[in-house]
Amino acid sequence: MNSATRRWALLVVGFAVSALFVYLTLAKVDLKELRAVLGTVSVPILSLAIVTRGLGFVFVTARAQILLKPLHEYGWGRQLKSILLGFVGNNLLPFRLGELLRVGYLARWGGVPAGSIFAVAALERLLDTFTLMMMFLSLLPLMVADVAPGVGVYVMAGLLVVGVVVVLLASRWPQPFVTLARVTTAPLGRRVSGFFVLQAQRFAEGLAGMRSPVAVAGAFAMTLGYWASSIAGIVVFLWAFGMQVPWFTSVLVMVFVAFGTLLPSAPAFVGTYDYFAARALALVYIGPTVAASFALVMHTVAFLPWTLFAIPVVYLDLVAGWRGSRRASQPETFPFTGEM
């Protein structure tokens, strides 16, 4: 199967999954009532959600600066552009391919092996998932009984803790990590083993940002800041709808959306994002029509304005990354800082 066929296959699967979840979101919705609910939403309050989304970009850019500093001194503007590239890529391409576009972009501009940049991206996702899970479990006793987790949730939490510990150890002592790769792949032959050992070395190099206790604290602080801004955005949406819900509802929605969008889907998480946002509200006894209205508005406002803003900024690199080009786009003036 060639690359073009694979891309089309990904798109077909993603759109099929999204269509299913769109149906599930709207199956019990009264469309006339939905339009009436949308007419009651406060647009001025909604505009604050655009600000909280922008604040989230600031936090993840600062975190990336901390984690990537040992690999290359990226300027703030370059780093922010990579974040926007990943954001736009995820919204226009299926299966979170924006993450890979960001990895390629940073590798080209920093002259850093893609494997090391990928390690940083994986570390960011680990920090995000770990923080979100800990927030969810800490608030669980206060939430409604309907969201009591099964054993699987605690197993996942345990695995996340183990993952964070392994990353910290591998960043501090990378040689045992590389040795383990060499030993486990040795039966595959020298050539194959050499490839995996090289990738393990580059991956370990990418974790260098976690060697310093100050860097670890900074990365966790920026991760907390990102999720706090995301939760604040959901609070804004709840205000805009005038909903009277338990105070922890914003965290519940955030957790459901974050884990729900891990499923394969069409670009911008169409369907999956909406379904899981609505399901979270159903757990605090919000009706299906109001819940669906909330999910659709939150999804649109959280993604569309920043996507439209960022497309002109990242367009050339977006196209180059999608085509699999190894050639970086020509340097251009970045509108935030004028950095080259």
C-alpha atoms as a PDB file:
ATOM      1  CA  MET A   1       0.000   0.000   0.000  1.00  0.00           C
ATOM      2  CA  ASN A   2       1.560   3.298  -1.105  1.00  0.00           C
ATOM      3  CA  SER A   3       1.536   6.502   0.962  1.00  0.00           C
ATOM      4  CA  ALA A   4      -1.375   8.075  -0.948  1.00  0.00           C
ATOM      5  CA  THR A   5      -3.532   4.994  -0.395  1.00  0.00           C
ATOM      6  CA  ARG A   6      -2.657   4.955   3.306  1.00  0.00           C
ATOM      7  CA  ARG A   7      -3.664   8.601   3.635  1.00  0.00           C
ATOM      8  CA  TRP A   8      -7.014   7.978   2.002  1.00  0.00           C
ATOM      9  CA  ALA A   9      -7.564   4.883   4.175  1.00  0.00           C
ATOM     10  CA  LEU A  10      -6.872   6.960   7.295  1.00  0.00           C
ATOM     11  CA  LEU A  11      -9.343   9.588   6.158  1.00  0.00           C
ATOM     12  CA  VAL A  12     -12.082   7.024   5.430  1.00  0.00           C
ATOM     13  CA  VAL A  13     -11.685   5.339   8.821  1.00  0.00           C
ATOM     14  CA  GLY A  14     -11.537   8.683  10.624  1.00  0.00           C
ATOM     15  CA  PHE A  15     -14.660  10.037   8.952  1.00  0.00           C
ATOM     16  CA  ALA A  16     -16.540   6.791   9.619  1.00  0.00           C
ATOM     17  CA  VAL A  17     -15.738   7.002  13.336  1.00  0.00           C
ATOM     18  CA  SER A  18     -16.708  10.672  13.423  1.00  0.00           C
ATOM     19  CA  ALA A  19     -20.002  10.001  11.634  1.00  0.00           C
ATOM     20  CA  LEU A  20     -20.855   7.362  14.226  1.00  0.00           C
ATOM     21  CA  PHE A  21     -20.202   9.713  17.148  1.00  0.00           C
ATOM     22  CA  VAL A  22     -22.052  12.603  15.516  1.00  0.00           C
ATOM     23  CA  TYR A  23     -25.057  10.307  15.258  1.00  0.00           C
ATOM     24  CA  LEU A  24     -24.717   9.235  18.895  1.00  0.00           C
ATOM     25  CA  THR A  25     -24.449  12.883  19.989  1.00  0.00           C
ATOM     26  CA  LEU A  26     -27.572  13.980  18.134  1.00  0.00           C
ATOM     27  CA  ALA A  27     -29.666  10.799  18.332  1.00  0.00           C
ATOM     28  CA  LYS A  28     -31.859  12.031  21.204  1.00  0.00           C
ATOM     29  CA  VAL A  29     -31.708  15.737  20.405  1.00  0.00           C
ATOM     30  CA  ASP A  30     -34.677  17.884  19.452  1.00  0.00           C
ATOM     31  CA  LEU A  31     -33.256  20.107  16.708  1.00  0.00           C
ATOM     32  CA  LYS A  32     -35.847  22.866  17.199  1.00  0.00           C
ATOM     33  CA  GLU A  33     -35.070  22.960  20.899  1.00  0.00           C
ATOM     34  CA  LEU A  34     -31.356  22.924  20.091  1.00  0.00           C
ATOM     35  CA  ARG A  35     -31.712  26.074  17.979  1.00  0.00           C
ATOM     36  CA  ALA A  36     -33.653  27.720  20.803  1.00  0.00           C
ATOM     37  CA  VAL A  37     -30.916  26.861  23.310  1.00  0.00           C
ATOM     38  CA  LEU A  38     -28.218  28.230  21.022  1.00  0.00           C
ATOM     39  CA  GLY A  39     -30.125  31.510  20.828  1.00  0.00           C
ATOM     40  CA  THR A  40     -29.755  32.004  24.594  1.00  0.00           C
ATOM     41  CA  VAL A  41     -25.943  31.731  24.673  1.00  0.00           C
ATOM     42  CA  SER A  42     -24.025  34.876  25.679  1.00  0.00           C
ATOM     43  CA  VAL A  43     -21.613  35.751  22.862  1.00  0.00           C
ATOM     44  CA  PRO A  44     -19.582  38.297  24.931  1.00  0.00           C
ATOM     45  CA  ILE A  45     -18.908  35.657  27.579  1.00  0.00           C
ATOM     46  CA  LEU A  46     -18.005  33.109  24.888  1.00  0.00           C
ATOM     47  CA  SER A  47     -15.291  35.440  23.592  1.00  0.00           C
ATOM     48  CA  LEU A  48     -13.403  34.946  26.863  1.00  0.00           C
ATOM     49  CA  ALA A  49     -12.865  31.311  25.865  1.00  0.00           C
ATOM     50  CA  ILE A  50     -10.688  32.477  22.968  1.00  0.00           C
ATOM     51  CA  VAL A  51      -8.475  34.218  25.531  1.00  0.00           C
ATOM     52  CA  THR A  52      -8.181  31.127  27.738  1.00  0.00           C
ATOM     53  CA  ARG A  53      -7.226  29.051  24.694  1.00  0.00           C
ATOM     54  CA  GLY A  54      -4.493  31.544  23.869  1.00  0.00           C
ATOM     55  CA  LEU A  55      -3.256  31.368  27.453  1.00  0.00           C
ATOM     56  CA  GLY A  56      -3.035  27.606  27.066  1.00  0.00           C
ATOM     57  CA  PHE A  57      -0.735  28.083  24.063  1.00  0.00           C
ATOM     58  CA  VAL A  58       1.516  30.260  26.227  1.00  0.00           C
ATOM     59  CA  PHE A  59       1.841  27.543  28.862  1.00  0.00           C
ATOM     60  CA  VAL A  60       2.616  24.710  26.422  1.00  0.00           C
ATOM     61  CA  THR A  61       5.123  26.912  24.588  1.00  0.00           C
ATOM     62  CA  ALA A  62       6.890  27.659  27.865  1.00  0.00           C
ATOM     63  CA  ARG A  63       6.934  23.949  28.697  1.00  0.00           C
ATOM     64  CA  ALA A  64       8.395  23.095  25.316  1.00  0.00           C
ATOM     65  CA  GLN A  65      11.105  25.710  25.854  1.00  0.00           C
ATOM     66  CA  ILE A  66      12.085  23.961  29.088  1.00  0.00           C
ATOM     67  CA  LEU A  67      12.078  20.433  27.667  1.00  0.00           C
ATOM     68  CA  LEU A  68      13.819  21.282  24.378  1.00  0.00           C
ATOM     69  CA  LYS A  69      16.478  23.583  25.785  1.00  0.00           C
ATOM     70  CA  PRO A  70      19.168  20.851  26.079  1.00  0.00           C
ATOM     71  CA  LEU A  71      18.638  19.956  22.402  1.00  0.00           C
ATOM     72  CA  HIS A  72      18.462  23.398  20.804  1.00  0.00           C
ATOM     73  CA  GLU A  73      17.855  27.012  21.822  1.00  0.00           C
ATOM     74  CA  TYR A  74      14.641  27.672  19.907  1.00  0.00           C
ATOM     75  CA  GLY A  75      13.380  31.229  20.029  1.00  0.00           C
ATOM     76  CA  TRP A  76       9.980  31.844  21.592  1.00  0.00           C
ATOM     77  CA  GLY A  77       8.397  32.686  18.259  1.00  0.00           C
ATOM     78  CA  ARG A  78       9.747  29.553  16.575  1.00  0.00           C
ATOM     79  CA  GLN A  79       8.531  27.445  19.461  1.00  0.00           C
ATOM     80  CA  LEU A  80       5.076  29.013  19.425  1.00  0.00           C
ATOM     81  CA  LYS A  81       4.825  28.503  15.686  1.00  0.00           C
ATOM     82  CA  SER A  82       5.546  24.804  16.152  1.00  0.00           C
ATOM     83  CA  ILE A  83       2.726  24.607  18.707  1.00  0.00           C
ATOM     84  CA  LEU A  84       0.336  26.316  16.290  1.00  0.00           C
ATOM     85  CA  LEU A  85       1.472  23.992  13.493  1.00  0.00           C
ATOM     86  CA  GLY A  86       0.608  20.975  15.620  1.00  0.00           C
ATOM     87  CA  PHE A  87      -2.731  22.524  16.578  1.00  0.00           C
ATOM     88  CA  VAL A  88      -3.733  23.335  12.998  1.00  0.00           C
ATOM     89  CA  GLY A  89      -2.446  19.985  11.753  1.00  0.00           C
ATOM     90  CA  ASN A  90      -4.580  18.135  14.291  1.00  0.00           C
ATOM     91  CA  ASN A  91      -7.598  20.165  13.218  1.00  0.00           C
ATOM     92  CA  LEU A  92      -7.147  19.684   9.477  1.00  0.00           C
ATOM     93  CA  LEU A  93      -5.622  16.193   9.341  1.00  0.00           C
ATOM     94  CA  PRO A  94      -6.807  12.920  10.904  1.00  0.00           C
ATOM     95  CA  PHE A  95      -5.246  10.878  13.702  1.00  0.00           C
ATOM     96  CA  ARG A  96      -3.404  13.775  15.403  1.00  0.00           C
ATOM     97  CA  LEU A  97      -0.939  14.024  12.525  1.00  0.00           C
ATOM     98  CA  GLY A  98      -0.238  17.582  13.610  1.00  0.00           C
ATOM     99  CA  GLU A  99       2.014  16.141  16.308  1.00  0.00           C
ATOM    100  CA  LEU A 100       4.230  14.560  13.656  1.00  0.00           C
ATOM    101  CA  LEU A 101       4.274  17.783  11.634  1.00  0.00           C
ATOM    102  CA  ARG A 102       5.496  19.627  14.705  1.00  0.00           C
ATOM    103  CA  VAL A 103       8.227  17.037  15.294  1.00  0.00           C
ATOM    104  CA  GLY A 104       9.450  17.386  11.706  1.00  0.00           C
ATOM    105  CA  TYR A 105       9.340  21.183  11.861  1.00  0.00           C
ATOM    106  CA  LEU A 106      11.427  21.391  15.038  1.00  0.00           C
ATOM    107  CA  ALA A 107      13.860  18.776  13.760  1.00  0.00           C
ATOM    108  CA  ARG A 108      14.460  20.757  10.565  1.00  0.00           C
ATOM    109  CA  TRP A 109      14.849  24.160  12.187  1.00  0.00           C
ATOM    110  CA  GLY A 110      16.998  22.943  15.070  1.00  0.00           C
ATOM    111  CA  GLY A 111      19.106  20.402  13.194  1.00  0.00           C
ATOM    112  CA  VAL A 112      18.065  17.862  15.845  1.00  0.00           C
ATOM    113  CA  PRO A 113      17.303  14.177  15.151  1.00  0.00           C
ATOM    114  CA  ALA A 114      13.566  13.651  14.811  1.00  0.00           C
ATOM    115  CA  GLY A 115      13.783  10.797  17.321  1.00  0.00           C
ATOM    116  CA  SER A 116      14.889  13.206  20.036  1.00  0.00           C
ATOM    117  CA  ILE A 117      12.111  15.675  19.229  1.00  0.00           C
ATOM    118  CA  PHE A 118       9.637  12.800  19.208  1.00  0.00           C
ATOM    119  CA  ALA A 119      10.797  11.861  22.712  1.00  0.00           C
ATOM    120  CA  VAL A 120       9.940  15.370  23.894  1.00  0.00           C
ATOM    121  CA  ALA A 121       6.509  15.203  22.235  1.00  0.00           C
ATOM    122  CA  ALA A 122       5.861  11.822  23.885  1.00  0.00           C
ATOM    123  CA  LEU A 123       7.012  13.240  27.218  1.00  0.00           C
ATOM    124  CA  GLU A 124       4.580  16.154  26.849  1.00  0.00           C
ATOM    125  CA  ARG A 125       1.693  13.755  26.252  1.00  0.00           C
ATOM    126  CA  LEU A 126       2.753  11.691  29.263  1.00  0.00           C
ATOM    127  CA  LEU A 127       2.834  14.782  31.479  1.00  0.00           C
ATOM    128  CA  ASP A 128      -0.583  15.854  30.173  1.00  0.00           C
ATOM    129  CA  THR A 129      -2.183  12.470  30.723  1.00  0.00           C
ATOM    130  CA  PHE A 130      -0.577  11.993  34.139  1.00  0.00           C
ATOM    131  CA  THR A 131      -1.669  15.438  35.353  1.00  0.00           C
ATOM    132  CA  LEU A 132      -5.201  15.025  34.047  1.00  0.00           C
ATOM    133  CA  MET A 133      -5.550  11.600  35.634  1.00  0.00           C
ATOM    134  CA  MET A 134      -4.289  12.852  38.995  1.00  0.00           C
ATOM    135  CA  MET A 135      -6.701  15.791  38.879  1.00  0.00           C
ATOM    136  CA  PHE A 136      -9.577  13.456  38.087  1.00  0.00           C
ATOM    137  CA  LEU A 137      -8.758  10.976  40.853  1.00  0.00           C
ATOM    138  CA  SER A 138      -8.258  13.735  43.432  1.00  0.00           C
ATOM    139  CA  LEU A 139     -11.738  15.087  42.704  1.00  0.00           C
ATOM    140  CA  LEU A 140     -13.407  11.703  42.365  1.00  0.00           C
ATOM    141  CA  PRO A 141     -14.747  11.530  45.949  1.00  0.00           C
ATOM    142  CA  LEU A 142     -16.627  14.785  45.325  1.00  0.00           C
ATOM    143  CA  MET A 143     -18.200  13.713  42.063  1.00  0.00           C
ATOM    144  CA  VAL A 144     -21.443  11.917  41.403  1.00  0.00           C
ATOM    145  CA  ALA A 145     -21.535   8.189  41.961  1.00  0.00           C
ATOM    146  CA  ASP A 146     -22.183   7.540  38.278  1.00  0.00           C
ATOM    147  CA  VAL A 147     -18.570   8.319  37.382  1.00  0.00           C
ATOM    148  CA  ALA A 148     -17.002   5.934  39.880  1.00  0.00           C
ATOM    149  CA  PRO A 149     -14.197   4.261  37.928  1.00  0.00           C
ATOM    150  CA  GLY A 150     -13.468   0.604  37.567  1.00  0.00           C
ATOM    151  CA  VAL A 151     -10.224  -1.153  38.299  1.00  0.00           C
ATOM    152  CA  GLY A 152      -8.961  -0.227  34.833  1.00  0.00           C
ATOM    153  CA  VAL A 153      -8.779   3.464  35.712  1.00  0.00           C
ATOM    154  CA  TYR A 154      -6.573   2.768  38.719  1.00  0.00           C
ATOM    155  CA  VAL A 155      -4.419   0.420  36.654  1.00  0.00           C
ATOM    156  CA  MET A 156      -3.986   3.180  34.071  1.00  0.00           C
ATOM    157  CA  ALA A 157      -3.109   5.665  36.816  1.00  0.00           C
ATOM    158  CA  GLY A 158      -0.515   3.239  38.155  1.00  0.00           C
ATOM    159  CA  LEU A 159       0.971   2.790  34.696  1.00  0.00           C
ATOM    160  CA  LEU A 160       1.193   6.554  34.275  1.00  0.00           C
ATOM    161  CA  VAL A 161       3.067   6.866  37.566  1.00  0.00           C
ATOM    162  CA  VAL A 162       5.439   4.124  36.462  1.00  0.00           C
ATOM    163  CA  GLY A 163       5.876   5.892  33.125  1.00  0.00           C
ATOM    164  CA  VAL A 164       6.824   9.174  34.781  1.00  0.00           C
ATOM    165  CA  VAL A 165       9.306   7.389  37.063  1.00  0.00           C
ATOM    166  CA  VAL A 166      10.854   5.531  34.110  1.00  0.00           C
ATOM    167  CA  VAL A 167      11.227   8.793  32.168  1.00  0.00           C
ATOM    168  CA  LEU A 168      12.914  10.489  35.110  1.00  0.00           C
ATOM    169  CA  LEU A 169      15.306   7.562  35.537  1.00  0.00           C
ATOM    170  CA  ALA A 170      16.033   7.305  31.801  1.00  0.00           C
ATOM    171  CA  SER A 171      16.730  11.029  31.594  1.00  0.00           C
ATOM    172  CA  ARG A 172      19.122  10.872  34.530  1.00  0.00           C
ATOM    173  CA  TRP A 173      20.836   7.613  33.565  1.00  0.00           C
ATOM    174  CA  PRO A 174      20.333   7.103  29.807  1.00  0.00           C
ATOM    175  CA  GLN A 175      22.988   4.423  29.330  1.00  0.00           C
ATOM    176  CA  PRO A 176      21.029   1.577  31.003  1.00  0.00           C
ATOM    177  CA  PHE A 177      18.070   2.491  28.768  1.00  0.00           C
ATOM    178  CA  VAL A 178      20.240   2.185  25.666  1.00  0.00           C
ATOM    179  CA  THR A 179      21.821  -1.018  26.967  1.00  0.00           C
ATOM    180  CA  LEU A 180      18.387  -2.533  27.474  1.00  0.00           C
ATOM    181  CA  ALA A 181      17.534  -1.729  23.847  1.00  0.00           C
ATOM    182  CA  ARG A 182      20.773  -3.354  22.707  1.00  0.00           C
ATOM    183  CA  VAL A 183      20.206  -6.523  24.727  1.00  0.00           C
ATOM    184  CA  THR A 184      16.552  -6.984  23.779  1.00  0.00           C
ATOM    185  CA  THR A 185      17.129  -6.421  20.050  1.00  0.00           C
ATOM    186  CA  ALA A 186      20.387  -8.352  19.701  1.00  0.00           C
ATOM    187  CA  PRO A 187      18.624 -11.534  18.462  1.00  0.00           C
ATOM    188  CA  LEU A 188      17.254  -9.523  15.503  1.00  0.00           C
ATOM    189  CA  GLY A 189      20.675  -9.120  13.954  1.00  0.00           C
ATOM    190  CA  ARG A 190      23.330  -6.430  13.975  1.00  0.00           C
ATOM    191  CA  ARG A 191      21.690  -4.163  11.427  1.00  0.00           C
ATOM    192  CA  VAL A 192      18.216  -4.164  12.997  1.00  0.00           C
ATOM    193  CA  SER A 193      19.635  -3.979  16.506  1.00  0.00           C
ATOM    194  CA  GLY A 194      21.842  -1.065  15.508  1.00  0.00           C
ATOM    195  CA  PHE A 195      18.813   0.829  14.232  1.00  0.00           C
ATOM    196  CA  PHE A 196      16.881   0.350  17.476  1.00  0.00           C
ATOM    197  CA  VAL A 197      19.904   1.219  19.606  1.00  0.00           C
ATOM    198  CA  LEU A 198      20.372   4.436  17.641  1.00  0.00           C
ATOM    199  CA  GLN A 199      16.711   5.339  18.125  1.00  0.00           C
ATOM    200  CA  ALA A 200      16.979   4.534  21.836  1.00  0.00           C
ATOM    201  CA  GLN A 201      20.003   6.845  22.091  1.00  0.00           C
ATOM    202  CA  ARG A 202      18.159   9.664  20.357  1.00  0.00           C
ATOM    203  CA  PHE A 203      15.071   9.077  22.484  1.00  0.00           C
ATOM    204  CA  ALA A 204      17.156   9.216  25.666  1.00  0.00           C
ATOM    205  CA  GLU A 205      18.778  12.428  24.439  1.00  0.00           C
ATOM    206  CA  GLY A 206      15.315  13.902  23.996  1.00  0.00           C
ATOM    207  CA  LEU A 207      14.616  13.313  27.686  1.00  0.00           C
ATOM    208  CA  ALA A 208      17.587  15.416  28.764  1.00  0.00           C
ATOM    209  CA  GLY A 209      15.286  18.282  29.691  1.00  0.00           C
ATOM    210  CA  MET A 210      14.105  16.269  32.705  1.00  0.00           C
ATOM    211  CA  ARG A 211      17.559  15.848  34.252  1.00  0.00           C
ATOM    212  CA  SER A 212      17.341  19.048  36.249  1.00  0.00           C
ATOM    213  CA  PRO A 213      14.976  19.189  39.268  1.00  0.00           C
ATOM    214  CA  VAL A 214      14.281  22.809  38.354  1.00  0.00           C
ATOM    215  CA  ALA A 215      13.322  21.770  34.815  1.00  0.00           C
ATOM    216  CA  VAL A 216      11.086  18.979  36.147  1.00  0.00           C
ATOM    217  CA  ALA A 217       9.313  21.411  38.458  1.00  0.00           C
ATOM    218  CA  GLY A 218       8.971  23.935  35.644  1.00  0.00           C
ATOM    219  CA  ALA A 219       7.568  21.383  33.205  1.00  0.00           C
ATOM    220  CA  PHE A 220       4.991  20.203  35.735  1.00  0.00           C
ATOM    221  CA  ALA A 221       4.076  23.792  36.624  1.00  0.00           C
ATOM    222  CA  MET A 222       3.509  24.683  32.966  1.00  0.00           C
ATOM    223  CA  THR A 223       1.458  21.502  32.509  1.00  0.00           C
ATOM    224  CA  LEU A 224      -0.729  22.468  35.461  1.00  0.00           C
ATOM    225  CA  GLY A 225      -1.051  25.954  34.011  1.00  0.00           C
ATOM    226  CA  TYR A 226      -2.166  24.547  30.671  1.00  0.00           C
ATOM    227  CA  TRP A 227      -4.867  22.364  32.181  1.00  0.00           C
ATOM    228  CA  ALA A 228      -5.980  25.131  34.524  1.00  0.00           C
ATOM    229  CA  SER A 229      -6.462  27.435  31.529  1.00  0.00           C
ATOM    230  CA  SER A 230      -8.347  24.675  29.700  1.00  0.00           C
ATOM    231  CA  ILE A 231     -10.639  24.129  32.658  1.00  0.00           C
ATOM    232  CA  ALA A 232     -11.134  27.887  32.978  1.00  0.00           C
ATOM    233  CA  GLY A 233     -12.258  27.869  29.346  1.00  0.00           C
ATOM    234  CA  ILE A 234     -14.892  25.256  30.107  1.00  0.00           C
ATOM    235  CA  VAL A 235     -16.097  27.356  33.056  1.00  0.00           C
ATOM    236  CA  VAL A 236     -16.536  30.228  30.596  1.00  0.00           C
ATOM    237  CA  PHE A 237     -18.708  28.037  28.369  1.00  0.00           C
ATOM    238  CA  LEU A 238     -20.811  26.975  31.342  1.00  0.00           C
ATOM    239  CA  TRP A 239     -21.309  30.646  32.249  1.00  0.00           C
ATOM    240  CA  ALA A 240     -22.245  31.488  28.660  1.00  0.00           C
ATOM    241  CA  PHE A 241     -25.013  28.867  28.825  1.00  0.00           C
ATOM    242  CA  GLY A 242     -26.083  29.955  32.299  1.00  0.00           C
ATOM    243  CA  MET A 243     -25.824  26.391  33.563  1.00  0.00           C
ATOM    244  CA  GLN A 244     -26.281  25.612  37.244  1.00  0.00           C
ATOM    245  CA  VAL A 245     -24.030  22.601  37.718  1.00  0.00           C
ATOM    246  CA  PRO A 246     -21.660  21.268  40.410  1.00  0.00           C
ATOM    247  CA  TRP A 247     -18.363  23.145  40.559  1.00  0.00           C
ATOM    248  CA  PHE A 248     -16.351  20.123  39.459  1.00  0.00           C
ATOM    249  CA  THR A 249     -18.263  19.825  36.166  1.00  0.00           C
ATOM    250  CA  SER A 250     -15.540  21.661  34.241  1.00  0.00           C
ATOM    251  CA  VAL A 251     -12.965  19.063  35.281  1.00  0.00           C
ATOM    252  CA  LEU A 252     -15.347  16.239  34.426  1.00  0.00           C
ATOM    253  CA  VAL A 253     -15.914  17.644  30.935  1.00  0.00           C
ATOM    254  CA  MET A 254     -12.185  18.184  30.449  1.00  0.00           C
ATOM    255  CA  VAL A 255     -11.352  14.604  31.406  1.00  0.00           C
ATOM    256  CA  PHE A 256     -14.029  13.110  29.171  1.00  0.00           C
ATOM    257  CA  VAL A 257     -13.024  15.223  26.186  1.00  0.00           C
ATOM    258  CA  ALA A 258      -9.292  14.618  26.644  1.00  0.00           C
ATOM    259  CA  PHE A 259      -9.573  10.858  26.794  1.00  0.00           C
ATOM    260  CA  GLY A 260     -12.406  10.657  24.264  1.00  0.00           C
ATOM    261  CA  THR A 261     -10.400  12.439  21.595  1.00  0.00           C
ATOM    262  CA  LEU A 262      -7.729   9.757  21.783  1.00  0.00           C
ATOM    263  CA  LEU A 263     -10.030   7.728  19.551  1.00  0.00           C
ATOM    264  CA  PRO A 264      -9.364   7.860  15.801  1.00  0.00           C
ATOM    265  CA  SER A 265     -11.606  10.385  14.105  1.00  0.00           C
ATOM    266  CA  ALA A 266     -11.919  12.920  11.338  1.00  0.00           C
ATOM    267  CA  PRO A 267      -9.865  16.118  11.544  1.00  0.00           C
ATOM    268  CA  ALA A 268     -10.612  18.413  14.536  1.00  0.00           C
ATOM    269  CA  PHE A 269     -12.009  15.441  16.476  1.00  0.00           C
ATOM    270  CA  VAL A 270     -15.440  15.935  14.917  1.00  0.00           C
ATOM    271  CA  GLY A 271     -17.970  13.719  16.657  1.00  0.00           C
ATOM    272  CA  THR A 272     -15.740  12.274  19.355  1.00  0.00           C
ATOM    273  CA  TYR A 273     -15.146  15.668  21.005  1.00  0.00           C
ATOM    274  CA  ASP A 274     -18.856  16.505  20.964  1.00  0.00           C
ATOM    275  CA  TYR A 275     -20.066  13.121  22.144  1.00  0.00           C
ATOM    276  CA  PHE A 276     -17.809  12.925  25.176  1.00  0.00           C
ATOM    277  CA  ALA A 277     -18.445  16.542  26.175  1.00  0.00           C
ATOM    278  CA  ALA A 278     -22.175  15.863  26.066  1.00  0.00           C
ATOM    279  CA  ARG A 279     -21.797  12.595  27.967  1.00  0.00           C
ATOM    280  CA  ALA A 280     -19.933  14.380  30.757  1.00  0.00           C
ATOM    281  CA  LEU A 281     -22.832  16.813  31.169  1.00  0.00           C
ATOM    282  CA  ALA A 282     -25.314  13.945  31.169  1.00  0.00           C
ATOM    283  CA  LEU A 283     -23.611  12.679  34.325  1.00  0.00           C
ATOM    284  CA  VAL A 284     -24.589  15.878  36.123  1.00  0.00           C
ATOM    285  CA  TYR A 285     -28.154  15.526  34.852  1.00  0.00           C
ATOM    286  CA  ILE A 286     -28.114  17.965  31.924  1.00  0.00           C
ATOM    287  CA  GLY A 287     -30.605  16.968  29.223  1.00  0.00           C
ATOM    288  CA  PRO A 288     -29.390  15.662  25.847  1.00  0.00           C
ATOM    289  CA  THR A 289     -30.428  18.737  23.846  1.00  0.00           C
ATOM    290  CA  VAL A 290     -28.749  21.248  26.143  1.00  0.00           C
ATOM    291  CA  ALA A 291     -25.697  18.985  26.486  1.00  0.00           C
ATOM    292  CA  ALA A 292     -25.366  18.652  22.710  1.00  0.00           C
ATOM    293  CA  SER A 293     -25.777  22.415  22.260  1.00  0.00           C
ATOM    294  CA  PHE A 294     -23.026  23.019  24.809  1.00  0.00           C
ATOM    295  CA  ALA A 295     -20.706  20.479  23.165  1.00  0.00           C
ATOM    296  CA  LEU A 296     -21.167  21.930  19.672  1.00  0.00           C
ATOM    297  CA  VAL A 297     -20.549  25.507  20.819  1.00  0.00           C
ATOM    298  CA  MET A 298     -17.560  24.586  22.965  1.00  0.00           C
ATOM    299  CA  HIS A 299     -16.012  22.608  20.124  1.00  0.00           C
ATOM    300  CA  THR A 300     -16.516  25.396  17.589  1.00  0.00           C
ATOM    301  CA  VAL A 301     -15.253  28.267  19.727  1.00  0.00           C
ATOM    302  CA  ALA A 302     -12.327  26.317  21.166  1.00  0.00           C
ATOM    303  CA  PHE A 303     -10.994  25.354  17.737  1.00  0.00           C
ATOM    304  CA  LEU A 304     -12.236  27.552  14.906  1.00  0.00           C
ATOM    305  CA  PRO A 305     -10.971  31.082  15.795  1.00  0.00           C
ATOM    306  CA  TRP A 306      -7.415  30.004  16.578  1.00  0.00           C
ATOM    307  CA  THR A 307      -7.310  27.665  13.583  1.00  0.00           C
ATOM    308  CA  LEU A 308      -8.330  30.474  11.217  1.00  0.00           C
ATOM    309  CA  PHE A 309      -5.764  32.770  12.804  1.00  0.00           C
ATOM    310  CA  ALA A 310      -2.915  30.244  12.642  1.00  0.00           C
ATOM    311  CA  ILE A 311      -3.421  28.857   9.124  1.00  0.00           C
ATOM    312  CA  PRO A 312      -1.662  31.788   7.375  1.00  0.00           C
ATOM    313  CA  VAL A 313       1.208  31.526   9.860  1.00  0.00           C
ATOM    314  CA  VAL A 314       1.877  27.805   9.368  1.00  0.00           C
ATOM    315  CA  TYR A 315       0.496  27.158   5.876  1.00  0.00           C
ATOM    316  CA  LEU A 316       3.798  26.504   4.070  1.00  0.00           C
ATOM    317  CA  ASP A 317       5.082  24.126   6.741  1.00  0.00           C
ATOM    318  CA  LEU A 318       1.702  22.419   6.942  1.00  0.00           C
ATOM    319  CA  VAL A 319       1.739  21.658   3.214  1.00  0.00           C
ATOM    320  CA  ALA A 320       5.388  20.576   3.270  1.00  0.00           C
ATOM    321  CA  GLY A 321       4.782  18.257   6.203  1.00  0.00           C
ATOM    322  CA  TRP A 322       1.678  16.672   4.675  1.00  0.00           C
ATOM    323  CA  ARG A 323       3.519  16.004   1.442  1.00  0.00           C
ATOM    324  CA  GLY A 324       6.351  14.406   3.350  1.00  0.00           C
ATOM    325  CA  SER A 325       8.843  16.974   2.111  1.00  0.00           C
ATOM    326  CA  ARG A 326      12.252  17.025   3.773  1.00  0.00           C
ATOM    327  CA  ARG A 327      12.825  20.565   2.601  1.00  0.00           C
ATOM    328  CA  ALA A 328      12.003  23.269   5.137  1.00  0.00           C
ATOM    329  CA  SER A 329      10.055  26.267   3.955  1.00  0.00           C
ATOM    330  CA  GLN A 330      11.950  29.496   3.459  1.00  0.00           C
ATOM    331  CA  PRO A 331      12.387  31.587   6.620  1.00  0.00           C
ATOM    332  CA  GLU A 332       9.662  34.129   7.038  1.00  0.00           C
ATOM    333  CA  THR A 333       8.997  36.891   9.519  1.00  0.00           C
ATOM    334  CA  PHE A 334       6.983  35.499  12.401  1.00  0.00           C
ATOM    335  CA  PRO A 335       4.207  37.904  13.351  1.00  0.00           C
ATOM    336  CA  PHE A 336       4.572  37.517  17.120  1.00  0.00           C
ATOM    337  CA  THR A 337       8.251  38.318  17.515  1.00  0.00           C
ATOM    338  CA  GLY A 338       9.729  38.949  14.099  1.00  0.00           C
ATOM    339  CA  GLU A 339      12.039  35.998  14.780  1.00  0.00           C
ATOM    340  CA  MET A 340      13.787  34.353  11.867  1.00  0.00           C
END
